Amino acid sequence: MQIKQLSTMIAAVAVSAGALAAPAPAALKLGVVYDAGGKFDKSFNQSAFEGASRFKKDTGINFIEVQASSDTQAEQVLRGLARKKLDLIASIGFAQTQAVAKVAKEFPNVRFVLIDGVAAGNNVNSVTFKEEEGSYLAGVAAAMATKSKKLGFIGGIDIPLIRTFGCGYAQGAKSVDKNMTIVQNMVGTTSAAWNDPAKGGELARSQFERGVDVVFAVAGGSGMGTLQMAKEKGKLAIGVDSNQNHLYPGTMLTSMVKRVDNAVYDSFMQMKNGTWKAGITAKGIKEGGVDWALDANNRKLITPEIEKKVLGVRKDIIDGKTKVIDIRSGAACPA
């Protein structure tokens, strides 16, 4: 009986060993293409990198990463990755919209997730954000923190996406005080505008000289110059995309966070789990796509009154009581 039991155990172990030794399914091939702002812009692209890195940490699945230094290069980079037969490529930034639409059509078996743009294709998932909602919260906080009643906004390029941030910011500010002044400037007209911190700083200096005491930077790497200038001049600044409060504690009022990291992470995980779908996904405050940042780095700047007001407005937006206009729908900015 013992011999028979031993034989059974040996057979079971052999089966188990055989199962462990069985070849694993082919690993996913994933890619990330950053835009001209670069992987370490401390903003939009870096958030994407952090999401992909979190996926790698949680699953052990690696990813290929490339930067497209120009809009034209994006198409070449995407085509090069598609030829490697990647399963899913995450394209970071609206500037890659045309490139994704074109390359996705050429490679129907490769899937693409476009962050911040909309491209047609049965193999494309376009993830957009309700930037106007998060910017509205930033505007409310800025209007309650300002002493001069003059707020600044510095964008990268004058395009609908960036104007959406600016309009949401103005709507929020003027919901607190309709007489609030908003000064707006753009860094440039080409993709280089996302990576010119010197110009971002110069524009901020000019705004401060005009009486602005809170500035919202929506300019990728160029925004780093804006935030630094605010620190030098003792003014308040608002970060964007990533939580940038830690960069200059004491002068960072808050950050309008856009969870690009979650968008990339979720797309990769959906691909891994076999639940990925093409289409358009829009993420606002309710969907966890945008928000404001409150942490130890800006805690002293956010008074109980500011916090109560912003959280109240935040709830009203989620509940549908406060409607924030998105100018991309064709409506004029009411602020």
C-alpha atoms as a PDB file:
ATOM      1  CA  MET A   1       0.000   0.000   0.000  1.00  0.00           C
ATOM      2  CA  GLN A   2       2.835   2.335   0.887  1.00  0.00           C
ATOM      3  CA  ILE A   3       4.637   1.538  -2.364  1.00  0.00           C
ATOM      4  CA  LYS A   4       1.451   2.206  -4.315  1.00  0.00           C
ATOM      5  CA  GLN A   5       0.958   5.519  -2.489  1.00  0.00           C
ATOM      6  CA  LEU A   6       4.573   6.458  -3.156  1.00  0.00           C
ATOM      7  CA  SER A   7       4.173   5.636  -6.851  1.00  0.00           C
ATOM      8  CA  THR A   8       1.060   7.807  -6.974  1.00  0.00           C
ATOM      9  CA  MET A   9       2.882  10.691  -5.310  1.00  0.00           C
ATOM     10  CA  ILE A  10       5.830  10.401  -7.714  1.00  0.00           C
ATOM     11  CA  ALA A  11       3.423  10.428 -10.668  1.00  0.00           C
ATOM     12  CA  ALA A  12       1.666  13.493  -9.254  1.00  0.00           C
ATOM     13  CA  VAL A  13       4.961  15.316  -8.788  1.00  0.00           C
ATOM     14  CA  ALA A  14       5.978  14.402 -12.336  1.00  0.00           C
ATOM     15  CA  VAL A  15       2.720  15.831 -13.675  1.00  0.00           C
ATOM     16  CA  SER A  16       3.205  18.959 -11.565  1.00  0.00           C
ATOM     17  CA  ALA A  17       6.777  19.369 -12.754  1.00  0.00           C
ATOM     18  CA  GLY A  18       5.634  18.950 -16.316  1.00  0.00           C
ATOM     19  CA  ALA A  19       3.004  21.661 -15.809  1.00  0.00           C
ATOM     20  CA  LEU A  20       5.571  24.062 -14.369  1.00  0.00           C
ATOM     21  CA  ALA A  21       7.917  23.372 -17.229  1.00  0.00           C
ATOM     22  CA  ALA A  22       5.285  24.006 -19.882  1.00  0.00           C
ATOM     23  CA  PRO A  23       6.176  26.997 -22.058  1.00  0.00           C
ATOM     24  CA  ALA A  24       4.452  30.220 -21.051  1.00  0.00           C
ATOM     25  CA  PRO A  25       2.333  32.075 -23.626  1.00  0.00           C
ATOM     26  CA  ALA A  26       4.202  34.642 -25.630  1.00  0.00           C
ATOM     27  CA  ALA A  27       4.655  37.882 -23.660  1.00  0.00           C
ATOM     28  CA  LEU A  28       2.819  40.965 -24.738  1.00  0.00           C
ATOM     29  CA  LYS A  29       4.747  43.388 -26.896  1.00  0.00           C
ATOM     30  CA  LEU A  30       3.939  46.912 -25.756  1.00  0.00           C
ATOM     31  CA  GLY A  31       5.243  50.306 -26.775  1.00  0.00           C
ATOM     32  CA  VAL A  32       5.036  53.945 -25.671  1.00  0.00           C
ATOM     33  CA  VAL A  33       5.746  56.885 -27.972  1.00  0.00           C
ATOM     34  CA  TYR A  34       6.315  60.186 -26.146  1.00  0.00           C
ATOM     35  CA  ASP A  35       5.805  63.514 -27.864  1.00  0.00           C
ATOM     36  CA  ALA A  36       8.261  66.408 -28.214  1.00  0.00           C
ATOM     37  CA  GLY A  37       8.003  67.285 -24.524  1.00  0.00           C
ATOM     38  CA  GLY A  38      10.059  64.227 -23.660  1.00  0.00           C
ATOM     39  CA  LYS A  39       9.823  61.409 -21.156  1.00  0.00           C
ATOM     40  CA  PHE A  40      10.988  63.490 -18.203  1.00  0.00           C
ATOM     41  CA  ASP A  41       8.952  66.658 -18.746  1.00  0.00           C
ATOM     42  CA  LYS A  42       7.649  66.338 -15.149  1.00  0.00           C
ATOM     43  CA  SER A  43       4.200  66.612 -16.699  1.00  0.00           C
ATOM     44  CA  PHE A  44       2.194  64.882 -19.431  1.00  0.00           C
ATOM     45  CA  ASN A  45       4.769  62.483 -20.877  1.00  0.00           C
ATOM     46  CA  GLN A  46       6.251  61.608 -17.513  1.00  0.00           C
ATOM     47  CA  SER A  47       2.801  60.675 -16.261  1.00  0.00           C
ATOM     48  CA  ALA A  48       2.501  58.240 -19.183  1.00  0.00           C
ATOM     49  CA  PHE A  49       5.908  56.777 -18.334  1.00  0.00           C
ATOM     50  CA  GLU A  50       4.858  56.319 -14.707  1.00  0.00           C
ATOM     51  CA  GLY A  51       1.720  54.471 -15.762  1.00  0.00           C
ATOM     52  CA  ALA A  52       3.658  52.133 -18.052  1.00  0.00           C
ATOM     53  CA  SER A  53       6.274  51.595 -15.345  1.00  0.00           C
ATOM     54  CA  ARG A  54       3.593  50.734 -12.789  1.00  0.00           C
ATOM     55  CA  PHE A  55       2.193  48.173 -15.214  1.00  0.00           C
ATOM     56  CA  LYS A  56       5.668  46.677 -15.640  1.00  0.00           C
ATOM     57  CA  LYS A  57       6.139  46.494 -11.871  1.00  0.00           C
ATOM     58  CA  ASP A  58       2.758  44.821 -11.347  1.00  0.00           C
ATOM     59  CA  THR A  59       2.988  42.318 -14.205  1.00  0.00           C
ATOM     60  CA  GLY A  60       6.658  41.915 -15.061  1.00  0.00           C
ATOM     61  CA  ILE A  61       5.835  42.782 -18.688  1.00  0.00           C
ATOM     62  CA  ASN A  62       8.273  45.249 -20.222  1.00  0.00           C
ATOM     63  CA  PHE A  63       7.599  47.908 -22.849  1.00  0.00           C
ATOM     64  CA  ILE A  64       9.531  49.652 -25.608  1.00  0.00           C
ATOM     65  CA  GLU A  65       9.705  53.448 -25.312  1.00  0.00           C
ATOM     66  CA  VAL A  66      10.583  55.980 -27.993  1.00  0.00           C
ATOM     67  CA  GLN A  67      10.364  59.755 -28.281  1.00  0.00           C
ATOM     68  CA  ALA A  68       9.053  61.483 -31.393  1.00  0.00           C
ATOM     69  CA  SER A  69      10.909  64.785 -31.461  1.00  0.00           C
ATOM     70  CA  SER A  70       8.533  66.215 -34.057  1.00  0.00           C
ATOM     71  CA  ASP A  71       5.060  65.598 -35.424  1.00  0.00           C
ATOM     72  CA  THR A  72       6.565  64.311 -38.674  1.00  0.00           C
ATOM     73  CA  GLN A  73       8.825  61.881 -36.881  1.00  0.00           C
ATOM     74  CA  ALA A  74       5.869  60.419 -34.982  1.00  0.00           C
ATOM     75  CA  GLU A  75       4.638  58.652 -38.110  1.00  0.00           C
ATOM     76  CA  GLN A  76       8.068  57.132 -38.761  1.00  0.00           C
ATOM     77  CA  VAL A  77       8.412  55.981 -35.156  1.00  0.00           C
ATOM     78  CA  LEU A  78       4.948  54.450 -35.044  1.00  0.00           C
ATOM     79  CA  ARG A  79       5.485  52.633 -38.318  1.00  0.00           C
ATOM     80  CA  GLY A  80       8.804  51.276 -37.064  1.00  0.00           C
ATOM     81  CA  LEU A  81       7.179  49.884 -33.910  1.00  0.00           C
ATOM     82  CA  ALA A  82       4.237  48.471 -35.855  1.00  0.00           C
ATOM     83  CA  ARG A  83       6.654  46.556 -38.089  1.00  0.00           C
ATOM     84  CA  LYS A  84       7.977  44.877 -34.952  1.00  0.00           C
ATOM     85  CA  LYS A  85       4.457  43.456 -34.578  1.00  0.00           C
ATOM     86  CA  LEU A  86       3.788  45.022 -31.208  1.00  0.00           C
ATOM     87  CA  ASP A  87       0.423  44.142 -29.693  1.00  0.00           C
ATOM     88  CA  LEU A  88      -0.379  47.652 -28.435  1.00  0.00           C
ATOM     89  CA  ILE A  89       1.286  51.027 -28.908  1.00  0.00           C
ATOM     90  CA  ALA A  90       0.434  53.970 -26.644  1.00  0.00           C
ATOM     91  CA  SER A  91       0.803  57.281 -28.474  1.00  0.00           C
ATOM     92  CA  ILE A  92       1.131  60.164 -26.033  1.00  0.00           C
ATOM     93  CA  GLY A  93      -0.284  63.468 -27.165  1.00  0.00           C
ATOM     94  CA  PHE A  94      -2.749  64.938 -29.648  1.00  0.00           C
ATOM     95  CA  ALA A  95       0.122  65.790 -32.014  1.00  0.00           C
ATOM     96  CA  GLN A  96       0.275  62.106 -32.955  1.00  0.00           C
ATOM     97  CA  THR A  97      -3.373  61.938 -34.030  1.00  0.00           C
ATOM     98  CA  GLN A  98      -2.791  61.971 -37.796  1.00  0.00           C
ATOM     99  CA  ALA A  99       0.150  59.608 -37.496  1.00  0.00           C
ATOM    100  CA  VAL A 100      -1.901  57.105 -35.487  1.00  0.00           C
ATOM    101  CA  ALA A 101      -4.810  57.256 -37.951  1.00  0.00           C
ATOM    102  CA  LYS A 102      -2.503  56.614 -40.889  1.00  0.00           C
ATOM    103  CA  VAL A 103      -0.289  53.896 -39.375  1.00  0.00           C
ATOM    104  CA  ALA A 104      -3.210  52.090 -37.698  1.00  0.00           C
ATOM    105  CA  LYS A 105      -4.812  51.727 -41.115  1.00  0.00           C
ATOM    106  CA  GLU A 106      -1.603  50.246 -42.534  1.00  0.00           C
ATOM    107  CA  PHE A 107      -1.243  47.747 -39.665  1.00  0.00           C
ATOM    108  CA  PRO A 108      -4.753  46.486 -38.768  1.00  0.00           C
ATOM    109  CA  ASN A 109      -3.371  43.750 -36.517  1.00  0.00           C
ATOM    110  CA  VAL A 110      -1.575  46.213 -34.246  1.00  0.00           C
ATOM    111  CA  ARG A 111      -3.643  48.038 -31.647  1.00  0.00           C
ATOM    112  CA  PHE A 112      -3.139  51.667 -30.695  1.00  0.00           C
ATOM    113  CA  VAL A 113      -4.223  53.798 -27.762  1.00  0.00           C
ATOM    114  CA  LEU A 114      -4.087  57.521 -28.491  1.00  0.00           C
ATOM    115  CA  ILE A 115      -3.883  59.708 -25.399  1.00  0.00           C
ATOM    116  CA  ASP A 116      -5.440  63.165 -25.749  1.00  0.00           C
ATOM    117  CA  GLY A 117      -6.657  62.849 -29.315  1.00  0.00           C
ATOM    118  CA  VAL A 118      -9.275  61.104 -31.442  1.00  0.00           C
ATOM    119  CA  ALA A 119      -8.340  58.921 -34.402  1.00  0.00           C
ATOM    120  CA  ALA A 120     -10.642  56.639 -36.373  1.00  0.00           C
ATOM    121  CA  GLY A 121      -9.898  52.952 -36.705  1.00  0.00           C
ATOM    122  CA  ASN A 122     -11.157  49.553 -35.581  1.00  0.00           C
ATOM    123  CA  ASN A 123      -7.805  49.050 -33.866  1.00  0.00           C
ATOM    124  CA  VAL A 124      -7.635  52.441 -32.106  1.00  0.00           C
ATOM    125  CA  ASN A 125      -8.836  53.442 -28.648  1.00  0.00           C
ATOM    126  CA  SER A 126      -8.848  57.225 -28.223  1.00  0.00           C
ATOM    127  CA  VAL A 127      -8.669  58.461 -24.626  1.00  0.00           C
ATOM    128  CA  THR A 128      -9.747  62.052 -24.051  1.00  0.00           C
ATOM    129  CA  PHE A 129     -10.083  64.067 -20.872  1.00  0.00           C
ATOM    130  CA  LYS A 130     -12.513  66.702 -19.647  1.00  0.00           C
ATOM    131  CA  GLU A 131      -9.748  69.225 -18.991  1.00  0.00           C
ATOM    132  CA  GLU A 132     -12.308  71.976 -18.525  1.00  0.00           C
ATOM    133  CA  GLU A 133     -13.571  70.318 -15.338  1.00  0.00           C
ATOM    134  CA  GLY A 134     -10.181  70.014 -13.644  1.00  0.00           C
ATOM    135  CA  SER A 135      -9.231  73.520 -14.792  1.00  0.00           C
ATOM    136  CA  TYR A 136     -12.474  74.853 -13.317  1.00  0.00           C
ATOM    137  CA  LEU A 137     -11.351  73.608  -9.891  1.00  0.00           C
ATOM    138  CA  ALA A 138      -7.959  75.254 -10.405  1.00  0.00           C
ATOM    139  CA  GLY A 139      -9.701  78.512 -11.292  1.00  0.00           C
ATOM    140  CA  VAL A 140     -11.819  78.417  -8.148  1.00  0.00           C
ATOM    141  CA  ALA A 141      -8.740  77.854  -5.975  1.00  0.00           C
ATOM    142  CA  ALA A 142      -6.810  80.621  -7.777  1.00  0.00           C
ATOM    143  CA  ALA A 143      -9.646  83.135  -7.435  1.00  0.00           C
ATOM    144  CA  MET A 144      -9.853  82.515  -3.704  1.00  0.00           C
ATOM    145  CA  ALA A 145      -6.076  82.738  -3.233  1.00  0.00           C
ATOM    146  CA  THR A 146      -5.348  85.860  -5.309  1.00  0.00           C
ATOM    147  CA  LYS A 147      -4.896  89.229  -3.684  1.00  0.00           C
ATOM    148  CA  SER A 148      -4.593  91.267  -6.869  1.00  0.00           C
ATOM    149  CA  LYS A 149      -7.672  89.764  -8.565  1.00  0.00           C
ATOM    150  CA  LYS A 150      -5.452  89.141 -11.590  1.00  0.00           C
ATOM    151  CA  LEU A 151      -4.772  85.566 -12.673  1.00  0.00           C
ATOM    152  CA  GLY A 152      -2.412  84.300 -15.343  1.00  0.00           C
ATOM    153  CA  PHE A 153      -2.579  81.430 -17.825  1.00  0.00           C
ATOM    154  CA  ILE A 154       0.362  80.258 -19.942  1.00  0.00           C
ATOM    155  CA  GLY A 155      -0.314  77.659 -22.623  1.00  0.00           C
ATOM    156  CA  GLY A 156       1.991  75.835 -24.999  1.00  0.00           C
ATOM    157  CA  ILE A 157       0.295  76.388 -28.380  1.00  0.00           C
ATOM    158  CA  ASP A 158      -2.935  78.208 -29.205  1.00  0.00           C
ATOM    159  CA  ILE A 159      -5.044  75.178 -30.111  1.00  0.00           C
ATOM    160  CA  PRO A 160      -8.516  74.010 -28.991  1.00  0.00           C
ATOM    161  CA  LEU A 161      -7.114  71.648 -26.347  1.00  0.00           C
ATOM    162  CA  ILE A 162      -5.108  74.379 -24.610  1.00  0.00           C
ATOM    163  CA  ARG A 163      -7.919  76.923 -24.974  1.00  0.00           C
ATOM    164  CA  THR A 164     -10.137  74.355 -23.223  1.00  0.00           C
ATOM    165  CA  PHE A 165      -7.855  74.476 -20.191  1.00  0.00           C
ATOM    166  CA  GLY A 166      -7.865  78.268 -20.267  1.00  0.00           C
ATOM    167  CA  CYS A 167     -11.624  78.548 -20.607  1.00  0.00           C
ATOM    168  CA  GLY A 168     -12.291  76.074 -17.781  1.00  0.00           C
ATOM    169  CA  TYR A 169      -9.850  78.010 -15.589  1.00  0.00           C
ATOM    170  CA  ALA A 170     -11.589  81.307 -16.370  1.00  0.00           C
ATOM    171  CA  GLN A 171     -15.054  79.813 -15.758  1.00  0.00           C
ATOM    172  CA  GLY A 172     -13.989  78.579 -12.338  1.00  0.00           C
ATOM    173  CA  ALA A 173     -12.347  81.872 -11.393  1.00  0.00           C
ATOM    174  CA  LYS A 174     -15.297  83.991 -12.483  1.00  0.00           C
ATOM    175  CA  SER A 175     -17.745  81.749 -10.642  1.00  0.00           C
ATOM    176  CA  VAL A 176     -16.062  83.127  -7.513  1.00  0.00           C
ATOM    177  CA  ASP A 177     -15.727  86.726  -8.743  1.00  0.00           C
ATOM    178  CA  LYS A 178     -17.133  87.773 -12.110  1.00  0.00           C
ATOM    179  CA  ASN A 179     -14.777  90.765 -12.175  1.00  0.00           C
ATOM    180  CA  MET A 180     -11.645  88.594 -12.048  1.00  0.00           C
ATOM    181  CA  THR A 181      -9.035  89.466 -14.715  1.00  0.00           C
ATOM    182  CA  ILE A 182      -7.412  86.582 -16.636  1.00  0.00           C
ATOM    183  CA  VAL A 183      -4.195  87.274 -18.584  1.00  0.00           C
ATOM    184  CA  GLN A 184      -3.391  84.588 -21.175  1.00  0.00           C
ATOM    185  CA  ASN A 185      -0.242  83.966 -23.229  1.00  0.00           C
ATOM    186  CA  MET A 186       1.000  81.116 -25.444  1.00  0.00           C
ATOM    187  CA  VAL A 187       4.625  79.974 -25.677  1.00  0.00           C
ATOM    188  CA  GLY A 188       4.799  79.365 -29.448  1.00  0.00           C
ATOM    189  CA  THR A 189       3.288  77.963 -32.611  1.00  0.00           C
ATOM    190  CA  THR A 190       5.266  74.738 -33.176  1.00  0.00           C
ATOM    191  CA  SER A 191       5.954  71.584 -31.177  1.00  0.00           C
ATOM    192  CA  ALA A 192       9.075  73.300 -29.784  1.00  0.00           C
ATOM    193  CA  ALA A 193       6.696  75.334 -27.608  1.00  0.00           C
ATOM    194  CA  TRP A 194       6.345  72.342 -25.299  1.00  0.00           C
ATOM    195  CA  ASN A 195      10.028  72.361 -24.394  1.00  0.00           C
ATOM    196  CA  ASP A 196      11.079  75.990 -23.938  1.00  0.00           C
ATOM    197  CA  PRO A 197      11.293  76.699 -20.187  1.00  0.00           C
ATOM    198  CA  ALA A 198      13.132  79.977 -20.814  1.00  0.00           C
ATOM    199  CA  LYS A 199      10.161  81.350 -22.764  1.00  0.00           C
ATOM    200  CA  GLY A 200       7.763  79.978 -20.155  1.00  0.00           C
ATOM    201  CA  GLY A 201       9.679  81.899 -17.501  1.00  0.00           C
ATOM    202  CA  GLU A 202       9.770  85.110 -19.549  1.00  0.00           C
ATOM    203  CA  LEU A 203       6.013  85.068 -20.081  1.00  0.00           C
ATOM    204  CA  ALA A 204       5.428  84.495 -16.371  1.00  0.00           C
ATOM    205  CA  ARG A 205       7.725  87.400 -15.469  1.00  0.00           C
ATOM    206  CA  SER A 206       5.783  89.671 -17.814  1.00  0.00           C
ATOM    207  CA  GLN A 207       2.479  88.617 -16.292  1.00  0.00           C
ATOM    208  CA  PHE A 208       3.743  89.199 -12.764  1.00  0.00           C
ATOM    209  CA  GLU A 209       4.873  92.686 -13.760  1.00  0.00           C
ATOM    210  CA  ARG A 210       1.286  93.319 -14.890  1.00  0.00           C
ATOM    211  CA  GLY A 211      -0.057  92.420 -11.459  1.00  0.00           C
ATOM    212  CA  VAL A 212      -0.789  88.702 -11.814  1.00  0.00           C
ATOM    213  CA  ASP A 213      -0.138  86.806  -8.583  1.00  0.00           C
ATOM    214  CA  VAL A 214      -1.381  83.299  -9.496  1.00  0.00           C
ATOM    215  CA  VAL A 215      -0.389  81.635 -12.787  1.00  0.00           C
ATOM    216  CA  PHE A 216      -1.587  78.358 -14.319  1.00  0.00           C
ATOM    217  CA  ALA A 217       1.010  76.731 -16.608  1.00  0.00           C
ATOM    218  CA  VAL A 218      -0.268  74.367 -19.314  1.00  0.00           C
ATOM    219  CA  ALA A 219       2.819  74.159 -21.484  1.00  0.00           C
ATOM    220  CA  GLY A 220       4.581  70.835 -20.928  1.00  0.00           C
ATOM    221  CA  GLY A 221       8.308  71.283 -20.299  1.00  0.00           C
ATOM    222  CA  SER A 222       7.986  75.028 -20.925  1.00  0.00           C
ATOM    223  CA  GLY A 223       5.820  75.221 -17.838  1.00  0.00           C
ATOM    224  CA  MET A 224       8.841  74.382 -15.709  1.00  0.00           C
ATOM    225  CA  GLY A 225      10.146  77.889 -16.410  1.00  0.00           C
ATOM    226  CA  THR A 226       6.822  79.369 -15.347  1.00  0.00           C
ATOM    227  CA  LEU A 227       6.797  77.473 -12.058  1.00  0.00           C
ATOM    228  CA  GLN A 228      10.407  78.427 -11.327  1.00  0.00           C
ATOM    229  CA  MET A 229       9.737  82.110 -12.041  1.00  0.00           C
ATOM    230  CA  ALA A 230       6.784  82.043  -9.655  1.00  0.00           C
ATOM    231  CA  LYS A 231       9.098  80.692  -6.977  1.00  0.00           C
ATOM    232  CA  GLU A 232      11.694  83.403  -7.655  1.00  0.00           C
ATOM    233  CA  LYS A 233       9.105  86.194  -7.559  1.00  0.00           C
ATOM    234  CA  GLY A 234       7.203  84.871  -4.561  1.00  0.00           C
ATOM    235  CA  LYS A 235       4.001  84.328  -6.571  1.00  0.00           C
ATOM    236  CA  LEU A 236       1.694  81.338  -6.694  1.00  0.00           C
ATOM    237  CA  ALA A 237       1.653  78.784  -9.506  1.00  0.00           C
ATOM    238  CA  ILE A 238      -0.607  75.914 -10.551  1.00  0.00           C
ATOM    239  CA  GLY A 239       0.893  72.807 -12.147  1.00  0.00           C
ATOM    240  CA  VAL A 240      -0.679  70.557 -14.744  1.00  0.00           C
ATOM    241  CA  ASP A 241      -1.087  66.923 -15.782  1.00  0.00           C
ATOM    242  CA  SER A 242       1.192  65.378 -13.130  1.00  0.00           C
ATOM    243  CA  ASN A 243       1.038  66.471  -9.486  1.00  0.00           C
ATOM    244  CA  GLN A 244       3.776  69.125  -9.555  1.00  0.00           C
ATOM    245  CA  ASN A 245       3.229  70.401  -6.022  1.00  0.00           C
ATOM    246  CA  HIS A 246       6.520  68.907  -4.866  1.00  0.00           C
ATOM    247  CA  LEU A 247       8.603  70.899  -7.332  1.00  0.00           C
ATOM    248  CA  TYR A 248       8.350  74.204  -5.469  1.00  0.00           C
ATOM    249  CA  PRO A 249       6.619  73.688  -2.118  1.00  0.00           C
ATOM    250  CA  GLY A 250       5.382  76.953  -0.702  1.00  0.00           C
ATOM    251  CA  THR A 251       4.489  78.571  -4.029  1.00  0.00           C
ATOM    252  CA  MET A 252       2.599  75.719  -5.731  1.00  0.00           C
ATOM    253  CA  LEU A 253      -1.044  76.442  -4.952  1.00  0.00           C
ATOM    254  CA  THR A 254      -2.161  73.150  -6.505  1.00  0.00           C
ATOM    255  CA  SER A 255      -1.910  71.068  -9.676  1.00  0.00           C
ATOM    256  CA  MET A 256      -4.626  70.198 -12.169  1.00  0.00           C
ATOM    257  CA  VAL A 257      -3.870  66.514 -12.534  1.00  0.00           C
ATOM    258  CA  LYS A 258      -4.757  64.617 -15.670  1.00  0.00           C
ATOM    259  CA  ARG A 259      -4.397  60.899 -15.024  1.00  0.00           C
ATOM    260  CA  VAL A 260      -2.501  59.969 -18.145  1.00  0.00           C
ATOM    261  CA  ASP A 261      -0.744  57.355 -16.009  1.00  0.00           C
ATOM    262  CA  ASN A 262      -4.015  55.572 -15.324  1.00  0.00           C
ATOM    263  CA  ALA A 263      -5.032  55.753 -18.985  1.00  0.00           C
ATOM    264  CA  VAL A 264      -1.817  54.023 -20.097  1.00  0.00           C
ATOM    265  CA  TYR A 265      -1.861  51.532 -17.221  1.00  0.00           C
ATOM    266  CA  ASP A 266      -5.503  50.597 -17.834  1.00  0.00           C
ATOM    267  CA  SER A 267      -4.958  50.160 -21.578  1.00  0.00           C
ATOM    268  CA  PHE A 268      -1.995  47.862 -21.038  1.00  0.00           C
ATOM    269  CA  MET A 269      -3.874  45.875 -18.394  1.00  0.00           C
ATOM    270  CA  GLN A 270      -6.925  45.546 -20.654  1.00  0.00           C
ATOM    271  CA  MET A 271      -4.647  44.201 -23.368  1.00  0.00           C
ATOM    272  CA  LYS A 272      -3.183  41.702 -20.932  1.00  0.00           C
ATOM    273  CA  ASN A 273      -6.621  40.601 -19.731  1.00  0.00           C
ATOM    274  CA  GLY A 274      -8.137  40.417 -23.196  1.00  0.00           C
ATOM    275  CA  THR A 275     -10.702  43.157 -22.514  1.00  0.00           C
ATOM    276  CA  TRP A 276      -9.198  45.933 -24.681  1.00  0.00           C
ATOM    277  CA  LYS A 277     -11.685  47.603 -27.034  1.00  0.00           C
ATOM    278  CA  ALA A 278     -11.459  50.220 -29.747  1.00  0.00           C
ATOM    279  CA  GLY A 279     -13.513  53.388 -29.508  1.00  0.00           C
ATOM    280  CA  ILE A 280     -13.473  56.672 -27.595  1.00  0.00           C
ATOM    281  CA  THR A 281     -13.155  56.984 -23.833  1.00  0.00           C
ATOM    282  CA  ALA A 282     -13.759  60.354 -22.139  1.00  0.00           C
ATOM    283  CA  LYS A 283     -12.561  60.838 -18.564  1.00  0.00           C
ATOM    284  CA  GLY A 284     -13.664  63.699 -16.330  1.00  0.00           C
ATOM    285  CA  ILE A 285     -13.719  64.203 -12.557  1.00  0.00           C
ATOM    286  CA  LYS A 286     -16.425  61.573 -12.124  1.00  0.00           C
ATOM    287  CA  GLU A 287     -14.450  59.008 -14.131  1.00  0.00           C
ATOM    288  CA  GLY A 288     -11.209  59.704 -12.261  1.00  0.00           C
ATOM    289  CA  GLY A 289      -9.597  61.345 -15.273  1.00  0.00           C
ATOM    290  CA  VAL A 290      -8.951  64.846 -13.902  1.00  0.00           C
ATOM    291  CA  ASP A 291      -8.826  66.470 -10.473  1.00  0.00           C
ATOM    292  CA  TRP A 292      -6.924  68.911  -8.284  1.00  0.00           C
ATOM    293  CA  ALA A 293      -4.017  67.943  -6.029  1.00  0.00           C
ATOM    294  CA  LEU A 294      -3.949  68.515  -2.281  1.00  0.00           C
ATOM    295  CA  ASP A 295      -1.018  67.085  -0.333  1.00  0.00           C
ATOM    296  CA  ALA A 296       1.630  67.957   2.248  1.00  0.00           C
ATOM    297  CA  ASN A 297       3.442  70.207  -0.231  1.00  0.00           C
ATOM    298  CA  ASN A 298       0.567  72.678  -0.643  1.00  0.00           C
ATOM    299  CA  ARG A 299      -1.403  72.002   2.527  1.00  0.00           C
ATOM    300  CA  LYS A 300      -0.418  75.342   4.108  1.00  0.00           C
ATOM    301  CA  LEU A 301      -1.562  77.301   1.062  1.00  0.00           C
ATOM    302  CA  ILE A 302      -5.022  75.730   0.904  1.00  0.00           C
ATOM    303  CA  THR A 303      -7.092  77.348   3.636  1.00  0.00           C
ATOM    304  CA  PRO A 304     -10.163  75.609   5.054  1.00  0.00           C
ATOM    305  CA  GLU A 305     -12.285  78.066   3.068  1.00  0.00           C
ATOM    306  CA  ILE A 306     -10.563  77.228  -0.227  1.00  0.00           C
ATOM    307  CA  GLU A 307     -10.747  73.503   0.416  1.00  0.00           C
ATOM    308  CA  LYS A 308     -14.439  73.637   1.325  1.00  0.00           C
ATOM    309  CA  LYS A 309     -15.261  75.683  -1.759  1.00  0.00           C
ATOM    310  CA  VAL A 310     -13.285  73.513  -4.193  1.00  0.00           C
ATOM    311  CA  LEU A 311     -14.638  70.263  -2.777  1.00  0.00           C
ATOM    312  CA  GLY A 312     -18.173  71.650  -2.954  1.00  0.00           C
ATOM    313  CA  VAL A 313     -17.747  72.642  -6.599  1.00  0.00           C
ATOM    314  CA  ARG A 314     -16.103  69.289  -7.332  1.00  0.00           C
ATOM    315  CA  LYS A 315     -19.172  67.468  -5.954  1.00  0.00           C
ATOM    316  CA  ASP A 316     -21.516  69.709  -7.919  1.00  0.00           C
ATOM    317  CA  ILE A 317     -19.692  68.876 -11.159  1.00  0.00           C
ATOM    318  CA  ILE A 318     -19.890  65.151 -10.417  1.00  0.00           C
ATOM    319  CA  ASP A 319     -23.590  65.442  -9.552  1.00  0.00           C
ATOM    320  CA  GLY A 320     -24.284  67.475 -12.690  1.00  0.00           C
ATOM    321  CA  LYS A 321     -25.333  70.581 -10.785  1.00  0.00           C
ATOM    322  CA  THR A 322     -22.472  72.612 -12.230  1.00  0.00           C
ATOM    323  CA  LYS A 323     -21.966  72.385 -15.978  1.00  0.00           C
ATOM    324  CA  VAL A 324     -18.555  73.383 -17.309  1.00  0.00           C
ATOM    325  CA  ILE A 325     -18.501  74.470 -20.945  1.00  0.00           C
ATOM    326  CA  ASP A 326     -16.162  72.577 -23.264  1.00  0.00           C
ATOM    327  CA  ILE A 327     -15.358  74.930 -26.149  1.00  0.00           C
ATOM    328  CA  ARG A 328     -14.412  71.953 -28.325  1.00  0.00           C
ATOM    329  CA  SER A 329     -18.147  71.271 -28.592  1.00  0.00           C
ATOM    330  CA  GLY A 330     -18.466  74.472 -30.589  1.00  0.00           C
ATOM    331  CA  ALA A 331     -19.741  76.630 -27.725  1.00  0.00           C
ATOM    332  CA  ALA A 332     -18.113  79.978 -27.010  1.00  0.00           C
ATOM    333  CA  CYS A 333     -16.250  80.399 -23.762  1.00  0.00           C
ATOM    334  CA  PRO A 334     -18.705  82.137 -21.404  1.00  0.00           C
ATOM    335  CA  ALA A 335     -15.969  83.547 -19.184  1.00  0.00           C
END
